[in-house]
Amino acid sequence: MYGATLAEAQPWIGNYEERLDLILDEIGNRFPGGYHIFLLNIYDPTDGIGDVRNAGLPAWSDGLQVLGAYNTIIEEACEQRDDTTLVDIHSEFMGHGIHSTQFWRSFYHADDPGYWYYDNLEDPNDRGYDAIRRLTLNKMAEILPQKLKINAGQAPAVLAP
């Protein structure tokens, strides 16, 4: 799909939405006693600029729009389900991509201008993985105590053999 226009990517985007809904629905069917999913959105190594050529990749004029479409699907899936919470790594990673040292940009982090991506630009480096771990654990600490408190007052579910 790399390099596809937003129009060309629509079949993949639609398929992703259908598969994500199916996966989340099936999890709900298989865990009637309760569960909670923490779903992460997708980071942008270009810091919202979309200039992947600066990272040595071929230009992708609609790359940010395609990424945005996927993140919208993820965010909407989380909003539609009480048992699914978004972990927003996209926002947290903003300013830690290929423009992380450009102090004149609005996303610049003076306190931590570090680059959070591995050499292949697709994967996080150790600092990026640490940020993902921290964001996920903090979101879990925010959501789970209240969720477990609510569930503690309910009778345990009995699963059929």
N, C-alpha and C. Protein backbone atom coordinates (compact mmCIF):
# COMPACT_ATOMS: atom_id res chain seq x y z
N MET A 1 0.82 -1.18 0.00
CA MET A 1 0.00 0.00 0.00
C MET A 1 0.87 1.26 0.00
N TYR A 2 2.14 1.13 0.35
CA TYR A 2 3.01 2.30 0.40
C TYR A 2 2.97 3.03 -0.94
N GLY A 3 2.75 4.32 -0.87
CA GLY A 3 2.70 5.14 -2.07
C GLY A 3 1.31 5.29 -2.65
N ALA A 4 0.34 4.53 -2.15
CA ALA A 4 -1.03 4.60 -2.67
C ALA A 4 -1.66 5.94 -2.33
N THR A 5 -2.53 6.42 -3.20
CA THR A 5 -3.33 7.59 -2.88
C THR A 5 -4.38 7.17 -1.85
N LEU A 6 -5.00 8.16 -1.23
CA LEU A 6 -6.05 7.84 -0.27
C LEU A 6 -7.16 7.06 -0.94
N ALA A 7 -7.52 7.43 -2.16
CA ALA A 7 -8.58 6.70 -2.89
C ALA A 7 -8.16 5.26 -3.17
N GLU A 8 -6.92 5.06 -3.57
CA GLU A 8 -6.43 3.70 -3.85
C GLU A 8 -6.36 2.86 -2.58
N ALA A 9 -6.12 3.51 -1.45
CA ALA A 9 -5.98 2.78 -0.18
C ALA A 9 -7.33 2.43 0.46
N GLN A 10 -8.43 3.00 -0.04
CA GLN A 10 -9.73 2.78 0.59
C GLN A 10 -10.09 1.30 0.77
N PRO A 11 -9.84 0.41 -0.20
CA PRO A 11 -10.17 -1.00 0.05
C PRO A 11 -9.41 -1.59 1.24
N TRP A 12 -8.13 -1.23 1.37
CA TRP A 12 -7.34 -1.74 2.51
C TRP A 12 -7.85 -1.14 3.82
N ILE A 13 -8.17 0.14 3.79
CA ILE A 13 -8.66 0.82 4.98
C ILE A 13 -9.99 0.21 5.41
N GLY A 14 -10.90 0.01 4.47
CA GLY A 14 -12.19 -0.61 4.79
C GLY A 14 -12.03 -2.02 5.32
N ASN A 15 -11.12 -2.78 4.72
CA ASN A 15 -10.87 -4.13 5.19
C ASN A 15 -10.31 -4.13 6.60
N TYR A 16 -9.44 -3.20 6.90
CA TYR A 16 -8.87 -3.08 8.24
C TYR A 16 -9.98 -2.80 9.26
N GLU A 17 -10.87 -1.89 8.92
CA GLU A 17 -11.96 -1.56 9.83
C GLU A 17 -12.84 -2.78 10.11
N GLU A 18 -13.17 -3.52 9.07
CA GLU A 18 -13.99 -4.73 9.24
C GLU A 18 -13.28 -5.76 10.11
N ARG A 19 -11.99 -5.97 9.84
CA ARG A 19 -11.24 -6.98 10.62
C ARG A 19 -11.08 -6.55 12.07
N LEU A 20 -10.82 -5.26 12.32
CA LEU A 20 -10.69 -4.80 13.69
C LEU A 20 -12.00 -4.97 14.44
N ASP A 21 -13.11 -4.61 13.83
CA ASP A 21 -14.42 -4.80 14.47
C ASP A 21 -14.67 -6.28 14.75
N LEU A 22 -14.35 -7.14 13.81
CA LEU A 22 -14.54 -8.58 14.01
C LEU A 22 -13.68 -9.09 15.17
N ILE A 23 -12.44 -8.68 15.20
CA ILE A 23 -11.54 -9.12 16.28
C ILE A 23 -12.08 -8.67 17.64
N LEU A 24 -12.44 -7.39 17.75
CA LEU A 24 -12.93 -6.88 19.03
C LEU A 24 -14.25 -7.53 19.43
N ASP A 25 -15.13 -7.77 18.46
CA ASP A 25 -16.39 -8.45 18.76
C ASP A 25 -16.16 -9.89 19.20
N GLU A 26 -15.25 -10.59 18.54
CA GLU A 26 -14.96 -11.98 18.90
C GLU A 26 -14.34 -12.08 20.29
N ILE A 27 -13.49 -11.15 20.64
CA ILE A 27 -12.93 -11.16 21.99
C ILE A 27 -14.06 -11.03 23.00
N GLY A 28 -15.00 -10.13 22.74
CA GLY A 28 -16.15 -9.98 23.62
C GLY A 28 -16.96 -11.26 23.74
N ASN A 29 -17.13 -11.98 22.64
CA ASN A 29 -17.87 -13.23 22.66
C ASN A 29 -17.14 -14.32 23.43
N ARG A 30 -15.84 -14.31 23.40
CA ARG A 30 -15.04 -15.38 24.03
C ARG A 30 -14.72 -15.12 25.50
N PHE A 31 -14.95 -13.89 25.95
CA PHE A 31 -14.68 -13.56 27.35
C PHE A 31 -15.91 -12.90 27.98
N PRO A 32 -16.99 -13.68 28.14
CA PRO A 32 -18.22 -13.11 28.68
C PRO A 32 -18.09 -12.66 30.13
N GLY A 33 -17.07 -13.13 30.84
CA GLY A 33 -16.87 -12.73 32.23
C GLY A 33 -16.21 -11.37 32.37
N GLY A 34 -15.76 -10.83 31.29
CA GLY A 34 -15.17 -9.51 31.33
C GLY A 34 -13.75 -9.48 30.81
N TYR A 35 -13.36 -8.35 30.33
CA TYR A 35 -12.03 -8.12 29.76
C TYR A 35 -11.89 -6.63 29.51
N HIS A 36 -10.69 -6.21 29.24
CA HIS A 36 -10.47 -4.84 28.80
C HIS A 36 -9.29 -4.83 27.85
N ILE A 37 -9.45 -4.12 26.75
CA ILE A 37 -8.41 -4.04 25.73
C ILE A 37 -7.84 -2.63 25.72
N PHE A 38 -6.53 -2.55 25.63
CA PHE A 38 -5.85 -1.27 25.45
C PHE A 38 -5.27 -1.28 24.05
N LEU A 39 -5.84 -0.45 23.20
CA LEU A 39 -5.50 -0.44 21.78
C LEU A 39 -4.70 0.81 21.46
N LEU A 40 -3.54 0.63 20.86
CA LEU A 40 -2.66 1.75 20.54
C LEU A 40 -2.90 2.22 19.11
N ASN A 41 -2.84 3.54 18.93
CA ASN A 41 -2.92 4.07 17.57
C ASN A 41 -1.53 4.04 16.94
N ILE A 42 -1.37 4.64 15.79
CA ILE A 42 -0.14 4.52 15.00
C ILE A 42 0.63 5.83 15.03
N TYR A 43 1.90 5.74 15.35
CA TYR A 43 2.75 6.94 15.39
C TYR A 43 3.16 7.37 13.99
N ASP A 44 3.69 8.59 13.90
CA ASP A 44 4.12 9.16 12.63
C ASP A 44 5.57 9.62 12.74
N PRO A 45 6.50 8.89 12.14
CA PRO A 45 7.91 9.26 12.25
C PRO A 45 8.27 10.57 11.56
N THR A 46 7.34 11.15 10.78
CA THR A 46 7.63 12.44 10.13
C THR A 46 7.15 13.62 10.97
N ASP A 47 6.66 13.36 12.16
CA ASP A 47 6.20 14.42 13.06
C ASP A 47 5.09 15.27 12.46
N GLY A 48 4.22 14.64 11.67
CA GLY A 48 3.08 15.34 11.09
C GLY A 48 3.38 16.12 9.83
N ILE A 49 4.59 16.01 9.32
CA ILE A 49 4.97 16.77 8.12
C ILE A 49 4.78 15.92 6.86
N GLY A 50 5.00 14.63 6.96
CA GLY A 50 4.76 13.73 5.83
C GLY A 50 5.90 13.66 4.83
N ASP A 51 7.05 14.17 5.18
CA ASP A 51 8.18 14.20 4.25
C ASP A 51 9.10 12.99 4.42
N VAL A 52 8.60 11.83 4.10
CA VAL A 52 9.39 10.60 4.27
C VAL A 52 10.65 10.59 3.41
N ARG A 53 10.71 11.44 2.41
CA ARG A 53 11.93 11.53 1.58
C ARG A 53 13.13 11.93 2.43
N ASN A 54 12.90 12.73 3.47
CA ASN A 54 13.99 13.12 4.36
C ASN A 54 14.54 11.94 5.15
N ALA A 55 13.82 10.86 5.18
CA ALA A 55 14.27 9.65 5.86
C ALA A 55 14.80 8.63 4.85
N GLY A 56 14.91 9.02 3.61
CA GLY A 56 15.46 8.13 2.60
C GLY A 56 14.44 7.23 1.91
N LEU A 57 13.16 7.48 2.12
CA LEU A 57 12.11 6.69 1.49
C LEU A 57 11.51 7.46 0.31
N PRO A 58 10.88 6.75 -0.62
CA PRO A 58 10.21 7.44 -1.72
C PRO A 58 9.07 8.32 -1.20
N ALA A 59 8.83 9.41 -1.87
CA ALA A 59 7.75 10.33 -1.47
C ALA A 59 6.41 9.60 -1.45
N TRP A 60 5.54 10.01 -0.52
CA TRP A 60 4.19 9.45 -0.42
C TRP A 60 3.26 10.62 -0.12
N SER A 61 2.71 11.18 -1.16
CA SER A 61 1.93 12.42 -1.01
C SER A 61 0.71 12.25 -0.11
N ASP A 62 0.09 11.10 -0.10
CA ASP A 62 -1.12 10.88 0.72
C ASP A 62 -0.83 10.09 1.99
N GLY A 63 0.43 9.95 2.33
CA GLY A 63 0.80 9.13 3.49
C GLY A 63 0.14 9.57 4.79
N LEU A 64 0.13 10.86 5.06
CA LEU A 64 -0.49 11.34 6.30
C LEU A 64 -1.99 11.11 6.31
N GLN A 65 -2.61 11.23 5.14
CA GLN A 65 -4.07 11.00 5.06
C GLN A 65 -4.40 9.53 5.29
N VAL A 66 -3.58 8.65 4.74
CA VAL A 66 -3.79 7.20 4.94
C VAL A 66 -3.59 6.86 6.41
N LEU A 67 -2.51 7.36 6.99
CA LEU A 67 -2.26 7.14 8.41
C LEU A 67 -3.41 7.68 9.25
N GLY A 68 -3.89 8.87 8.91
CA GLY A 68 -5.01 9.45 9.63
C GLY A 68 -6.27 8.60 9.55
N ALA A 69 -6.51 8.00 8.39
CA ALA A 69 -7.69 7.14 8.23
C ALA A 69 -7.60 5.92 9.15
N TYR A 70 -6.43 5.32 9.23
CA TYR A 70 -6.25 4.18 10.13
C TYR A 70 -6.41 4.59 11.59
N ASN A 71 -5.84 5.72 11.97
CA ASN A 71 -5.97 6.17 13.35
C ASN A 71 -7.41 6.53 13.69
N THR A 72 -8.14 7.07 12.73
CA THR A 72 -9.56 7.35 12.96
C THR A 72 -10.33 6.06 13.24
N ILE A 73 -10.05 5.02 12.49
CA ILE A 73 -10.70 3.73 12.72
C ILE A 73 -10.40 3.21 14.12
N ILE A 74 -9.14 3.29 14.51
CA ILE A 74 -8.75 2.82 15.84
C ILE A 74 -9.44 3.64 16.92
N GLU A 75 -9.43 4.95 16.79
CA GLU A 75 -10.05 5.82 17.77
C GLU A 75 -11.56 5.58 17.86
N GLU A 76 -12.22 5.43 16.73
CA GLU A 76 -13.67 5.19 16.73
C GLU A 76 -14.00 3.83 17.33
N ALA A 77 -13.18 2.83 17.07
CA ALA A 77 -13.41 1.51 17.67
C ALA A 77 -13.34 1.61 19.19
N CYS A 78 -12.42 2.39 19.69
CA CYS A 78 -12.30 2.57 21.14
C CYS A 78 -13.48 3.35 21.71
N GLU A 79 -13.90 4.38 21.01
CA GLU A 79 -15.03 5.19 21.47
C GLU A 79 -16.34 4.40 21.49
N GLN A 80 -16.48 3.43 20.61
CA GLN A 80 -17.73 2.66 20.49
C GLN A 80 -17.82 1.52 21.49
N ARG A 81 -16.75 1.24 22.22
CA ARG A 81 -16.74 0.09 23.12
C ARG A 81 -16.29 0.51 24.51
N ASP A 82 -17.07 0.15 25.50
CA ASP A 82 -16.70 0.44 26.89
C ASP A 82 -15.53 -0.40 27.36
N ASP A 83 -15.27 -1.50 26.67
CA ASP A 83 -14.22 -2.43 27.07
C ASP A 83 -12.92 -2.25 26.30
N THR A 84 -12.81 -1.14 25.58
CA THR A 84 -11.62 -0.88 24.78
C THR A 84 -11.21 0.58 24.98
N THR A 85 -9.94 0.77 25.32
CA THR A 85 -9.42 2.11 25.61
C THR A 85 -8.26 2.42 24.68
N LEU A 86 -8.26 3.62 24.16
CA LEU A 86 -7.18 4.08 23.30
C LEU A 86 -5.96 4.48 24.12
N VAL A 87 -4.79 4.01 23.69
CA VAL A 87 -3.52 4.50 24.20
C VAL A 87 -2.93 5.33 23.06
N ASP A 88 -2.87 6.63 23.27
CA ASP A 88 -2.51 7.57 22.21
C ASP A 88 -1.00 7.73 22.09
N ILE A 89 -0.37 6.82 21.36
CA ILE A 89 1.07 6.95 21.15
C ILE A 89 1.36 7.94 20.02
N HIS A 90 0.40 8.15 19.14
CA HIS A 90 0.60 9.09 18.03
C HIS A 90 0.96 10.48 18.57
N SER A 91 0.20 10.97 19.52
CA SER A 91 0.46 12.30 20.07
C SER A 91 1.77 12.32 20.85
N GLU A 92 2.02 11.29 21.61
CA GLU A 92 3.23 11.25 22.44
C GLU A 92 4.51 11.19 21.59
N PHE A 93 4.44 10.51 20.47
CA PHE A 93 5.62 10.38 19.60
C PHE A 93 5.85 11.63 18.74
N MET A 94 4.84 12.50 18.65
CA MET A 94 4.98 13.71 17.84
C MET A 94 6.12 14.56 18.39
N GLY A 95 7.05 14.89 17.53
CA GLY A 95 8.21 15.66 17.93
C GLY A 95 9.41 14.80 18.29
N HIS A 96 9.28 13.49 18.15
CA HIS A 96 10.39 12.58 18.43
C HIS A 96 10.77 11.79 17.18
N GLY A 97 10.34 12.28 16.02
CA GLY A 97 10.64 11.63 14.76
C GLY A 97 11.81 12.31 14.06
N ILE A 98 11.76 12.32 12.73
CA ILE A 98 12.90 12.80 11.96
C ILE A 98 13.15 14.30 12.08
N HIS A 99 12.23 15.01 12.73
CA HIS A 99 12.40 16.45 12.94
C HIS A 99 12.58 16.78 14.42
N SER A 100 12.97 15.81 15.21
CA SER A 100 13.01 15.97 16.67
C SER A 100 13.95 17.06 17.15
N THR A 101 14.96 17.41 16.38
CA THR A 101 15.93 18.42 16.82
C THR A 101 15.63 19.81 16.29
N GLN A 102 14.54 19.97 15.57
CA GLN A 102 14.20 21.27 14.98
C GLN A 102 13.44 22.12 16.00
N PHE A 103 14.18 22.89 16.76
CA PHE A 103 13.64 23.64 17.89
C PHE A 103 12.59 24.68 17.50
N TRP A 104 12.52 25.06 16.26
CA TRP A 104 11.56 26.08 15.82
C TRP A 104 10.17 25.49 15.52
N ARG A 105 10.07 24.19 15.54
CA ARG A 105 8.77 23.55 15.26
C ARG A 105 7.89 23.56 16.52
N SER A 106 6.59 23.62 16.31
CA SER A 106 5.65 23.67 17.44
C SER A 106 5.67 22.40 18.28
N PHE A 107 6.07 21.29 17.71
CA PHE A 107 6.07 20.02 18.44
C PHE A 107 7.39 19.74 19.16
N TYR A 108 8.35 20.63 19.05
CA TYR A 108 9.67 20.42 19.66
C TYR A 108 9.54 20.25 21.17
N HIS A 109 10.26 19.27 21.70
CA HIS A 109 10.28 18.99 23.15
C HIS A 109 11.63 19.41 23.71
N ALA A 110 11.70 20.62 24.24
CA ALA A 110 12.97 21.12 24.78
C ALA A 110 13.48 20.23 25.90
N ASP A 111 12.56 19.66 26.69
CA ASP A 111 12.96 18.80 27.80
C ASP A 111 13.42 17.42 27.36
N ASP A 112 13.04 17.00 26.16
CA ASP A 112 13.43 15.68 25.65
C ASP A 112 13.32 15.68 24.13
N PRO A 113 14.31 16.25 23.44
CA PRO A 113 14.24 16.31 21.98
C PRO A 113 14.74 15.03 21.29
N GLY A 114 14.76 13.94 22.02
CA GLY A 114 15.32 12.70 21.50
C GLY A 114 14.53 12.09 20.36
N TYR A 115 15.25 11.34 19.55
CA TYR A 115 14.69 10.59 18.42
C TYR A 115 14.28 9.22 18.94
N TRP A 116 13.04 8.82 18.71
CA TRP A 116 12.49 7.60 19.30
C TRP A 116 12.31 6.46 18.28
N TYR A 117 12.97 6.51 17.15
CA TYR A 117 12.79 5.50 16.11
C TYR A 117 14.09 4.76 15.84
N TYR A 118 13.93 3.51 15.44
CA TYR A 118 15.07 2.68 15.05
C TYR A 118 15.52 3.10 13.65
N ASP A 119 16.64 2.58 13.21
CA ASP A 119 17.20 2.95 11.90
C ASP A 119 16.25 2.72 10.74
N ASN A 120 15.36 1.72 10.84
CA ASN A 120 14.46 1.42 9.73
C ASN A 120 13.25 2.36 9.66
N LEU A 121 13.14 3.29 10.61
CA LEU A 121 12.07 4.29 10.69
C LEU A 121 10.70 3.69 10.99
N GLU A 122 10.56 2.41 10.87
CA GLU A 122 9.28 1.76 11.09
C GLU A 122 9.09 1.37 12.56
N ASP A 123 10.17 1.01 13.21
CA ASP A 123 10.12 0.53 14.58
C ASP A 123 10.67 1.57 15.54
N PRO A 124 10.20 1.54 16.78
CA PRO A 124 10.79 2.43 17.79
C PRO A 124 12.18 1.93 18.20
N ASN A 125 12.99 2.83 18.72
CA ASN A 125 14.24 2.43 19.35
C ASN A 125 13.95 2.15 20.83
N ASP A 126 14.97 1.93 21.63
CA ASP A 126 14.73 1.62 23.05
C ASP A 126 13.96 2.73 23.75
N ARG A 127 14.26 3.98 23.45
CA ARG A 127 13.55 5.10 24.08
C ARG A 127 12.09 5.12 23.63
N GLY A 128 11.84 4.81 22.36
CA GLY A 128 10.47 4.75 21.87
C GLY A 128 9.68 3.62 22.52
N TYR A 129 10.32 2.45 22.65
CA TYR A 129 9.64 1.33 23.32
C TYR A 129 9.36 1.66 24.78
N ASP A 130 10.28 2.38 25.42
CA ASP A 130 10.06 2.79 26.80
C ASP A 130 8.84 3.71 26.88
N ALA A 131 8.69 4.62 25.93
CA ALA A 131 7.53 5.51 25.91
C ALA A 131 6.24 4.72 25.72
N ILE A 132 6.25 3.74 24.84
CA ILE A 132 5.06 2.91 24.62
C ILE A 132 4.70 2.16 25.90
N ARG A 133 5.70 1.58 26.55
CA ARG A 133 5.46 0.85 27.80
C ARG A 133 4.87 1.78 28.85
N ARG A 134 5.48 2.97 29.02
CA ARG A 134 5.02 3.93 30.01
C ARG A 134 3.59 4.39 29.74
N LEU A 135 3.30 4.73 28.49
CA LEU A 135 1.95 5.18 28.14
C LEU A 135 0.91 4.10 28.40
N THR A 136 1.26 2.87 28.04
CA THR A 136 0.32 1.76 28.23
C THR A 136 0.09 1.48 29.70
N LEU A 137 1.15 1.40 30.48
CA LEU A 137 1.00 1.14 31.91
C LEU A 137 0.27 2.27 32.62
N ASN A 138 0.55 3.52 32.25
CA ASN A 138 -0.17 4.64 32.85
C ASN A 138 -1.65 4.60 32.51
N LYS A 139 -1.98 4.24 31.29
CA LYS A 139 -3.40 4.14 30.90
C LYS A 139 -4.07 3.00 31.65
N MET A 140 -3.36 1.90 31.81
CA MET A 140 -3.91 0.78 32.58
C MET A 140 -4.15 1.19 34.03
N ALA A 141 -3.20 1.91 34.62
CA ALA A 141 -3.34 2.37 36.00
C ALA A 141 -4.51 3.35 36.15
N GLU A 142 -4.81 4.07 35.09
CA GLU A 142 -5.92 5.02 35.11
C GLU A 142 -7.27 4.30 35.00
N ILE A 143 -7.36 3.29 34.16
CA ILE A 143 -8.64 2.66 33.82
C ILE A 143 -8.99 1.46 34.71
N LEU A 144 -8.03 0.59 34.94
CA LEU A 144 -8.34 -0.69 35.59
C LEU A 144 -8.84 -0.60 37.02
N PRO A 145 -8.31 0.26 37.87
CA PRO A 145 -8.86 0.28 39.24
C PRO A 145 -10.36 0.55 39.27
N GLN A 146 -10.82 1.52 38.50
CA GLN A 146 -12.25 1.80 38.46
C GLN A 146 -13.03 0.66 37.84
N LYS A 147 -12.50 0.07 36.79
CA LYS A 147 -13.18 -1.05 36.13
C LYS A 147 -13.27 -2.25 37.06
N LEU A 148 -12.20 -2.54 37.78
CA LEU A 148 -12.20 -3.68 38.70
C LEU A 148 -13.12 -3.41 39.88
N LYS A 149 -13.23 -2.17 40.31
CA LYS A 149 -14.13 -1.81 41.40
C LYS A 149 -15.57 -2.07 40.99
N ILE A 150 -15.92 -1.68 39.77
CA ILE A 150 -17.28 -1.90 39.26
C ILE A 150 -17.54 -3.40 39.15
N ASN A 151 -16.58 -4.13 38.59
CA ASN A 151 -16.76 -5.57 38.40
C ASN A 151 -16.74 -6.33 39.71
N ALA A 152 -16.09 -5.79 40.74
CA ALA A 152 -16.01 -6.49 42.02
C ALA A 152 -17.39 -6.63 42.65
N GLY A 153 -18.29 -5.70 42.38
CA GLY A 153 -19.62 -5.77 42.94
C GLY A 153 -20.56 -6.69 42.18
N GLN A 154 -20.11 -7.22 41.08
CA GLN A 154 -20.97 -8.09 40.27
C GLN A 154 -20.66 -9.55 40.57
N ALA A 155 -21.64 -10.37 40.41
CA ALA A 155 -21.43 -11.81 40.60
C ALA A 155 -20.51 -12.31 39.49
N PRO A 156 -19.61 -13.24 39.81
CA PRO A 156 -18.72 -13.77 38.78
C PRO A 156 -19.51 -14.51 37.70
N ALA A 157 -19.03 -14.38 36.50
CA ALA A 157 -19.68 -15.07 35.38
C ALA A 157 -19.36 -16.55 35.45
N VAL A 158 -20.34 -17.36 35.09
CA VAL A 158 -20.14 -18.80 35.04
C VAL A 158 -20.04 -19.18 33.57
N LEU A 159 -18.93 -19.82 33.24
CA LEU A 159 -18.72 -20.21 31.85
C LEU A 159 -19.18 -21.64 31.66
N ALA A 160 -19.85 -21.87 30.57
CA ALA A 160 -20.29 -23.24 30.26
C ALA A 160 -19.08 -24.06 29.80
N PRO A 161 -19.07 -25.34 30.13
CA PRO A 161 -17.93 -26.17 29.72
C PRO A 161 -17.86 -26.35 28.22
